[in-house]
Protein backbone atom coordinates (compact mmCIF):
# COMPACT_ATOMS: atom_id res chain seq x y z
CA MET A 1 -74.89 50.37 -55.78
CA SER A 2 -77.49 47.62 -56.26
CA GLU A 3 -81.08 48.50 -56.77
CA THR A 4 -83.24 48.55 -53.63
CA VAL A 5 -86.00 45.96 -53.34
CA TYR A 6 -88.66 47.16 -50.93
CA LEU A 7 -90.90 44.36 -49.59
CA ASP A 8 -92.13 46.01 -46.35
CA HIS A 9 -95.24 47.78 -47.56
CA ALA A 10 -97.27 46.54 -44.53
CA ALA A 11 -94.94 48.85 -42.40
CA THR A 12 -95.36 51.85 -44.67
CA THR A 13 -95.69 52.63 -48.33
CA PRO A 14 -93.79 55.07 -50.58
CA MET A 15 -95.96 58.02 -51.53
CA HIS A 16 -97.46 57.86 -55.02
CA PRO A 17 -95.93 60.45 -57.37
CA GLU A 18 -99.44 61.95 -57.93
CA VAL A 19 -99.88 62.26 -54.15
CA ILE A 20 -96.58 64.11 -53.90
CA GLU A 21 -97.62 66.40 -56.73
CA VAL A 22 -100.96 67.25 -55.16
CA MET A 23 -99.43 67.96 -51.79
CA THR A 24 -96.72 70.18 -53.37
CA GLU A 25 -99.30 72.20 -55.18
CA THR A 26 -101.50 72.47 -52.10
CA MET A 27 -98.54 73.71 -50.01
CA LYS A 28 -97.89 76.35 -52.67
CA ARG A 29 -101.45 77.56 -53.15
CA ASN A 30 -103.58 76.65 -50.15
CA PHE A 31 -101.73 77.95 -47.07
CA GLY A 32 -104.84 79.37 -45.50
CA ASN A 33 -106.23 78.18 -42.16
CA ALA A 34 -109.30 76.09 -42.94
CA SER A 35 -111.09 77.63 -39.95
CA SER A 36 -110.62 81.23 -41.18
CA ILE A 37 -113.68 82.88 -42.72
CA HIS A 38 -111.87 84.89 -45.44
CA GLN A 39 -111.60 83.60 -49.00
CA ILE A 40 -108.13 82.12 -48.60
CA GLY A 41 -109.34 80.17 -45.56
CA ARG A 42 -112.49 79.10 -47.31
CA GLU A 43 -110.50 77.64 -50.21
CA SER A 44 -108.66 75.41 -47.72
CA ARG A 45 -111.95 74.50 -46.14
CA GLY A 46 -113.24 73.43 -49.51
CA LEU A 47 -110.38 71.03 -49.96
CA VAL A 48 -110.89 69.55 -46.50
CA GLU A 49 -114.63 68.92 -47.12
CA GLU A 50 -114.03 67.49 -50.59
CA ALA A 51 -111.56 65.01 -49.04
CA ARG A 52 -114.09 64.17 -46.29
CA ARG A 53 -116.60 63.25 -48.96
CA THR A 54 -114.03 61.02 -50.72
CA PHE A 55 -113.14 59.27 -47.49
CA ALA A 56 -116.80 58.68 -46.72
CA GLU A 57 -117.60 57.33 -50.15
CA SER A 58 -114.69 54.83 -49.94
CA ILE A 59 -116.40 53.03 -46.96
CA HIS A 60 -120.07 53.87 -47.89
CA ALA A 61 -120.44 56.34 -45.00
CA LYS A 62 -121.78 59.91 -44.74
CA PRO A 63 -119.28 62.83 -44.79
CA GLN A 64 -120.36 64.02 -41.38
CA GLU A 65 -119.39 60.56 -39.94
CA ILE A 66 -115.71 61.13 -40.81
CA VAL A 67 -113.30 62.66 -38.27
CA ILE A 68 -109.90 63.42 -39.71
CA THR A 69 -107.07 62.43 -37.38
CA SER A 70 -103.31 62.11 -37.28
CA GLY A 71 -103.46 58.45 -38.21
CA GLY A 72 -104.45 54.99 -37.15
CA THR A 73 -103.02 55.19 -33.65
CA GLU A 74 -104.97 58.29 -32.77
CA SER A 75 -108.10 56.88 -34.38
CA ASP A 76 -107.79 53.63 -32.38
CA ASN A 77 -107.08 55.48 -29.12
CA MET A 78 -110.08 57.81 -29.59
CA ALA A 79 -112.40 54.95 -30.49
CA ILE A 80 -111.42 52.77 -27.51
CA LEU A 81 -110.76 55.24 -24.73
CA LYS A 82 -113.59 57.57 -25.45
CA THR A 83 -116.16 54.76 -25.94
CA ALA A 84 -115.09 53.40 -22.56
CA GLU A 85 -115.42 56.82 -21.00
CA LYS A 86 -118.87 57.41 -22.47
CA TYR A 87 -120.41 54.06 -21.54
CA ARG A 88 -118.51 53.06 -18.39
CA ASP A 89 -121.68 53.50 -16.30
CA ARG A 90 -123.39 50.88 -18.50
CA GLY A 91 -120.55 48.32 -18.07
CA ARG A 92 -116.83 47.77 -17.94
CA HIS A 93 -116.28 44.74 -20.14
CA ILE A 94 -114.42 44.92 -23.40
CA ILE A 95 -113.84 42.19 -25.99
CA THR A 96 -110.81 42.20 -28.32
CA THR A 97 -108.37 39.70 -29.79
CA ALA A 98 -104.91 38.50 -28.88
CA VAL A 99 -103.49 39.62 -32.19
CA GLU A 100 -104.45 43.31 -32.29
CA HIS A 101 -102.05 46.08 -33.20
CA PRO A 102 -100.39 47.78 -30.20
CA ALA A 103 -102.53 50.89 -31.01
CA VAL A 104 -105.45 48.81 -29.78
CA LEU A 105 -103.74 46.66 -27.14
CA LYS A 106 -102.08 49.55 -25.31
CA PRO A 107 -105.28 51.62 -24.69
CA VAL A 108 -107.10 48.41 -23.77
CA GLU A 109 -104.30 47.63 -21.23
CA TYR A 110 -104.65 51.18 -19.89
CA LEU A 111 -108.35 50.61 -19.35
CA ALA A 112 -107.66 47.32 -17.58
CA GLU A 113 -105.52 49.24 -15.14
CA ALA A 114 -108.43 51.68 -14.69
CA GLY A 115 -110.76 48.81 -13.65
CA PHE A 116 -112.18 47.55 -16.96
CA GLU A 117 -112.24 43.79 -17.57
CA ILE A 118 -110.81 42.63 -20.98
CA THR A 119 -111.51 39.42 -22.84
CA TYR A 120 -108.79 38.50 -25.38
CA LEU A 121 -110.12 36.11 -27.94
CA PRO A 122 -107.58 33.49 -29.09
CA VAL A 123 -107.08 32.80 -32.82
CA ASN A 124 -107.19 29.51 -34.74
CA GLU A 125 -104.41 28.02 -36.90
CA ASP A 126 -105.15 30.57 -39.61
CA GLY A 127 -104.94 33.54 -37.22
CA GLU A 128 -108.69 34.15 -37.33
CA ILE A 129 -111.43 34.34 -34.68
CA THR A 130 -115.05 33.33 -35.18
CA LEU A 131 -118.48 34.90 -34.60
CA GLU A 132 -119.20 32.09 -32.17
CA GLN A 133 -116.25 33.22 -29.99
CA VAL A 134 -117.68 36.73 -29.84
CA GLN A 135 -121.14 35.37 -28.99
CA ALA A 136 -119.70 33.23 -26.18
CA ALA A 137 -117.71 36.16 -24.74
CA LEU A 138 -120.55 38.67 -24.64
CA ARG A 139 -121.89 39.64 -21.20
CA GLU A 140 -124.60 42.00 -19.90
CA ASP A 141 -121.84 44.45 -18.97
CA THR A 142 -120.03 44.36 -22.40
CA ILE A 143 -119.79 47.84 -23.85
CA LEU A 144 -117.22 47.53 -26.62
CA VAL A 145 -116.00 44.88 -29.14
CA SER A 146 -112.77 45.93 -30.90
CA ILE A 147 -111.56 43.47 -33.55
CA MET A 148 -109.12 44.30 -36.36
CA TYR A 149 -110.30 43.91 -39.99
CA GLY A 150 -107.02 42.31 -41.12
CA ASN A 151 -103.88 41.48 -39.27
CA ASN A 152 -100.74 43.43 -39.98
CA GLU A 153 -98.24 40.60 -39.42
CA ILE A 154 -99.79 37.47 -40.89
CA GLY A 155 -102.60 39.02 -42.95
CA SER A 156 -105.45 37.07 -41.51
CA LEU A 157 -108.99 38.48 -42.10
CA MET A 158 -111.66 38.56 -39.42
CA PRO A 159 -115.40 37.99 -39.98
CA ILE A 160 -116.22 41.66 -39.41
CA GLY A 161 -119.59 41.74 -41.30
CA ASP A 162 -120.86 38.68 -39.47
CA ILE A 163 -119.85 40.13 -36.11
CA GLY A 164 -121.22 43.57 -36.85
CA ARG A 165 -124.59 42.30 -38.04
CA TYR A 166 -124.92 39.98 -35.10
CA LEU A 167 -124.15 42.71 -32.56
CA LYS A 168 -126.57 45.10 -34.16
CA GLU A 169 -129.39 42.59 -34.02
CA SER A 170 -128.68 40.77 -30.77
CA ALA A 171 -126.62 43.17 -28.70
CA PRO A 172 -127.50 46.67 -29.94
CA GLY A 173 -126.07 48.40 -26.92
CA VAL A 174 -122.53 47.15 -27.64
CA VAL A 175 -120.27 49.44 -29.70
CA PHE A 176 -118.31 47.72 -32.51
CA HIS A 177 -114.92 49.09 -33.52
CA THR A 178 -112.54 47.73 -36.13
CA ASP A 179 -108.93 48.73 -36.79
CA ALA A 180 -108.99 48.70 -40.67
CA VAL A 181 -105.54 50.28 -41.10
CA GLN A 182 -104.03 47.22 -42.81
CA ALA A 183 -107.16 46.19 -44.77
CA TYR A 184 -108.30 49.58 -46.09
CA GLY A 185 -107.38 49.94 -49.72
CA THR A 186 -107.44 46.26 -50.56
CA GLU A 187 -110.67 45.00 -48.98
CA ASP A 188 -114.19 46.15 -49.95
CA ILE A 189 -115.44 47.84 -46.73
CA ASP A 190 -119.09 48.91 -46.33
CA VAL A 191 -119.62 50.22 -42.77
CA LYS A 192 -123.41 50.30 -43.19
CA ASP A 193 -123.74 46.73 -44.49
CA GLU A 194 -121.25 45.44 -42.00
CA LYS A 195 -122.85 47.39 -39.12
CA ILE A 196 -119.62 48.94 -37.97
CA ASP A 197 -119.79 51.73 -35.43
CA LEU A 198 -116.17 52.91 -35.42
CA LEU A 199 -113.44 52.30 -38.04
CA SER A 200 -109.79 53.41 -38.03
CA VAL A 201 -107.75 54.23 -41.18
CA SER A 202 -104.26 55.55 -41.90
CA ALA A 203 -103.01 57.18 -45.10
CA HIS A 204 -99.42 55.95 -45.12
CA LYS A 205 -100.51 52.31 -45.71
CA ILE A 206 -101.99 53.25 -49.11
CA ASN A 207 -99.24 55.37 -50.62
CA GLY A 208 -100.38 58.51 -48.89
CA PRO A 209 -98.55 60.78 -46.43
CA LYS A 210 -97.69 59.86 -42.85
CA GLY A 211 -99.40 61.61 -39.92
CA ILE A 212 -102.94 61.63 -41.39
CA GLY A 213 -105.89 59.31 -41.12
CA PHE A 214 -109.54 59.24 -40.17
CA LEU A 215 -111.97 57.71 -37.70
CA TYR A 216 -115.41 56.80 -38.90
CA ILE A 217 -118.03 57.37 -36.24
CA ASN A 218 -121.54 56.13 -36.95
CA ASP A 219 -124.17 58.88 -36.81
CA ASP A 220 -126.05 56.91 -34.18
CA LEU A 221 -123.01 57.08 -31.87
CA SER A 222 -121.56 60.11 -30.00
CA ILE A 223 -118.30 59.82 -28.18
CA PRO A 224 -116.22 62.60 -26.51
CA ARG A 225 -113.26 64.13 -28.21
CA LEU A 226 -109.77 62.86 -27.56
CA ILE A 227 -107.86 65.98 -28.67
CA MET A 228 -108.95 69.08 -26.87
CA GLY A 229 -108.67 72.54 -28.46
CA GLY A 230 -110.53 74.38 -31.14
CA GLU A 231 -113.86 73.43 -32.71
CA GLN A 232 -112.37 71.74 -35.79
CA GLU A 233 -113.84 68.53 -37.17
CA ASN A 234 -117.37 69.54 -36.14
CA ASN A 235 -116.12 70.05 -32.62
CA ARG A 236 -114.90 66.43 -32.42
CA ARG A 237 -111.14 66.88 -32.79
CA GLY A 238 -109.16 70.05 -32.00
CA GLY A 239 -106.17 71.23 -34.06
CA THR A 240 -105.52 73.22 -37.16
CA GLU A 241 -106.14 70.98 -40.24
CA ASN A 242 -103.09 69.80 -42.13
CA VAL A 243 -104.53 70.74 -45.52
CA PRO A 244 -101.64 69.47 -47.75
CA ALA A 245 -101.71 66.08 -46.05
CA ILE A 246 -105.45 65.88 -46.25
CA ALA A 247 -105.29 66.68 -49.96
CA GLY A 248 -102.58 64.03 -50.45
CA PHE A 249 -104.66 61.49 -48.52
CA LYS A 250 -107.61 62.25 -50.76
CA LYS A 251 -105.54 61.57 -53.91
CA ALA A 252 -104.21 58.35 -52.44
CA VAL A 253 -107.73 57.21 -51.73
CA GLU A 254 -108.91 58.11 -55.21
CA LEU A 255 -106.04 56.19 -56.81
CA ARG A 256 -106.56 53.14 -54.62
CA MET A 257 -110.29 52.98 -55.10
CA VAL A 258 -109.98 53.08 -58.91
CA ASN A 259 -107.19 50.44 -58.95
CA LYS A 260 -108.23 48.21 -56.02
CA SER A 261 -109.14 45.17 -57.99
CA GLU A 262 -106.05 45.36 -60.19
CA LEU A 263 -103.80 45.83 -57.12
CA ARG A 264 -105.42 42.85 -55.31
CA GLU A 265 -104.71 40.68 -58.38
CA SER A 266 -101.08 41.82 -58.61
CA TYR A 267 -100.46 41.30 -54.89
CA SER A 268 -101.94 37.79 -55.07
CA TYR A 269 -99.79 37.09 -58.11
CA PHE A 270 -96.62 38.33 -56.32
CA LYS A 271 -97.51 36.17 -53.25
CA LYS A 272 -97.90 33.02 -55.37
CA LEU A 273 -94.74 33.81 -57.36
CA PHE A 274 -92.75 34.21 -54.12
CA ILE A 275 -94.02 30.88 -52.78
CA ASN A 276 -93.44 29.12 -56.10
CA LYS A 277 -89.82 30.39 -56.33
CA LEU A 278 -89.19 29.30 -52.70
CA GLU A 279 -90.53 25.85 -53.47
CA GLU A 280 -87.97 25.56 -56.29
CA THR A 281 -85.23 25.84 -53.68
CA GLU A 282 -84.25 23.50 -50.95
CA ILE A 283 -85.47 25.83 -48.24
CA ASP A 284 -87.72 24.24 -45.61
CA PHE A 285 -90.52 26.74 -44.96
CA SER A 286 -94.15 27.14 -44.16
CA VAL A 287 -96.68 30.00 -44.35
CA ASN A 288 -98.00 31.51 -41.12
CA GLY A 289 -101.73 31.96 -41.51
CA SER A 290 -103.78 31.29 -44.65
CA ILE A 291 -102.40 31.79 -48.16
CA GLU A 292 -105.74 32.03 -49.87
CA LYS A 293 -108.02 33.73 -47.28
CA GLY A 294 -105.75 36.46 -45.98
CA LEU A 295 -104.86 40.02 -47.08
CA PRO A 296 -103.31 39.75 -50.57
CA HIS A 297 -100.29 41.90 -49.81
CA ILE A 298 -98.97 40.11 -46.71
CA LEU A 299 -96.95 36.89 -46.72
CA SER A 300 -95.56 35.66 -43.34
CA LEU A 301 -92.92 32.92 -43.78
CA HIS A 302 -91.42 30.56 -41.23
CA LEU A 303 -88.01 29.67 -42.64
CA LYS A 304 -87.23 26.60 -40.52
CA GLY A 305 -83.90 26.66 -38.74
CA ILE A 306 -82.95 30.14 -39.87
CA PRO A 307 -82.82 32.94 -37.27
CA ALA A 308 -84.91 35.75 -38.74
CA TYR A 309 -82.71 38.56 -37.41
CA LYS A 310 -79.65 37.12 -39.07
CA LEU A 311 -81.45 36.75 -42.40
CA LEU A 312 -82.79 40.28 -42.12
CA ILE A 313 -79.27 41.66 -41.70
CA HIS A 314 -78.00 39.82 -44.79
CA LEU A 315 -81.01 40.98 -46.86
CA ASP A 316 -80.53 44.55 -45.65
CA LEU A 317 -76.89 44.54 -46.72
CA ALA A 318 -78.10 43.52 -50.18
CA ARG A 319 -80.60 46.48 -50.01
CA ILE A 320 -83.61 44.21 -49.68
CA ALA A 321 -86.13 45.43 -47.12
CA VAL A 322 -88.37 42.91 -45.31
CA SER A 323 -89.61 42.72 -41.71
CA ILE A 324 -89.53 40.40 -38.78
CA GLY A 325 -92.58 41.92 -37.12
CA SER A 326 -94.68 45.01 -36.81
CA ALA A 327 -92.73 48.25 -37.62
CA CYS A 328 -94.43 49.84 -34.65
CA SER A 329 -92.37 47.50 -32.42
CA ALA A 330 -89.05 48.56 -34.00
CA GLY A 331 -86.21 48.17 -31.56
CA ASN A 332 -88.34 45.96 -29.34
CA VAL A 333 -86.61 42.58 -28.69
CA ASP A 334 -89.80 40.98 -27.39
CA PRO A 335 -91.13 38.19 -29.61
CA SER A 336 -94.12 38.77 -31.78
CA HIS A 337 -97.38 38.55 -29.80
CA VAL A 338 -99.20 37.60 -32.99
CA LEU A 339 -97.03 34.54 -33.58
CA ILE A 340 -97.22 33.57 -29.89
CA ALA A 341 -101.04 33.72 -30.19
CA LEU A 342 -100.84 31.65 -33.43
CA TYR A 343 -98.56 28.99 -31.91
CA ASN A 344 -97.06 29.10 -28.37
CA ASP A 345 -94.22 30.76 -26.46
CA ASN A 346 -91.65 28.13 -27.47
CA HIS A 347 -92.54 27.47 -31.15
CA PRO A 348 -89.52 27.80 -33.55
CA ALA A 349 -91.61 30.12 -35.83
CA ILE A 350 -91.41 32.89 -33.18
CA GLU A 351 -87.67 33.44 -33.94
CA GLU A 352 -87.64 32.17 -37.53
CA THR A 353 -90.35 34.22 -39.23
CA VAL A 354 -90.02 37.08 -41.83
CA ARG A 355 -92.85 39.17 -43.22
CA ILE A 356 -92.87 39.97 -46.92
CA SER A 357 -95.35 42.60 -47.98
CA PHE A 358 -96.13 43.85 -51.51
CA GLY A 359 -97.06 47.24 -52.97
CA GLN A 360 -96.17 49.95 -55.38
CA GLY A 361 -92.88 49.37 -57.21
CA VAL A 362 -92.62 45.58 -56.58
CA THR A 363 -91.47 43.64 -59.63
CA GLU A 364 -90.95 40.00 -60.59
CA GLU A 365 -87.23 40.71 -60.89
CA GLY A 366 -87.19 42.04 -57.28
CA ILE A 367 -88.98 38.97 -55.97
CA ILE A 368 -86.61 36.59 -57.80
CA LYS A 369 -83.60 38.55 -56.46
CA THR A 370 -84.97 38.30 -52.94
CA VAL A 371 -85.66 34.55 -53.16
CA ASN A 372 -82.17 33.97 -54.53
CA LYS A 373 -80.63 35.98 -51.75
CA ILE A 374 -82.71 34.12 -49.12
CA GLN A 375 -81.54 30.84 -50.65
CA ASN A 376 -77.87 31.78 -50.56
CA THR A 377 -78.12 33.24 -47.06
CA CYS A 378 -79.98 30.20 -45.67
CA ALA A 379 -77.31 27.89 -47.13
CA SER A 380 -74.54 30.06 -45.59
CA LEU A 381 -76.23 30.27 -42.14
CA LYS A 382 -76.79 26.46 -42.03
CA VAL A 383 -73.11 25.84 -42.87
CA ASN A 384 -72.02 28.26 -40.13
């Protein structure tokens, strides 16, 4: 059987061996309920609080500003729905972008059905929005601005710091949320400098376990809980803490923070190598978004004249994993809303785009194998 080449790290990442080791040891030794007052419980509580400090340090926050959740989707839902609930008497206008993850778009759509008014900012040719767009969209009844840090399909980065600082100075009553799930672990995030009120993170994007994440909530902000139950997470999120997953998440963050610069350089190198190898072929292609300014681990390619789903099948049969959109839309035959926002409903790129994303375990040999397979498949599909 041929060796698997995994190039879908934007969908999820394999757990780092050290993360698995930490989780395994935690499951063996720290089974106590972190809310119990006996020694076994207090040992688990100690692990949770150590992790909270690590999460906080990674974004320059305070430990008490971190609410541990089940992942990015819960964090996004809590940030958006509960901000709207808290401040609906102040106004019912929300600003977001046309290229957000479904974990943001779905709760925003839910709020629209409940009587809120939503402004969706369009993106430019690089998949970005500008501070000026946010300024123009602000109204007296605006209560929330939710803009992703980096896009999960084309890798475009948004001017989060510029927006956050402007809002804090010129519209201090507006809450600023960013979905940083795809950017966390590669970008340098400072919630205080960038004046971010709410920030969502998920562990499985940085070689941590699935089903765990956190929501940063600025000390100056208080929003109701989304998950009702016990008094865990300082009475902000009910549910018995998943101590092994939290410990694994902590290890993943520690590894990522130490190696962030090195990882960024390797991802940028892999991206350039992939493009260079494609350019050596006769494949007609273009890059969706910006090569230089985007997230280093995401490469969105329009392979002109090649149906993406057919290419995906051929690559899969060769044990090469890539994507034709967000993994959270798996099984959904609808075209990518991100590519529609970047181009238009009828642009060929909508049906001819694949996403390549880099991470742990990617090698030059794997990239060369993938490009060769794409070259052979494209030639075959054009003949047929």
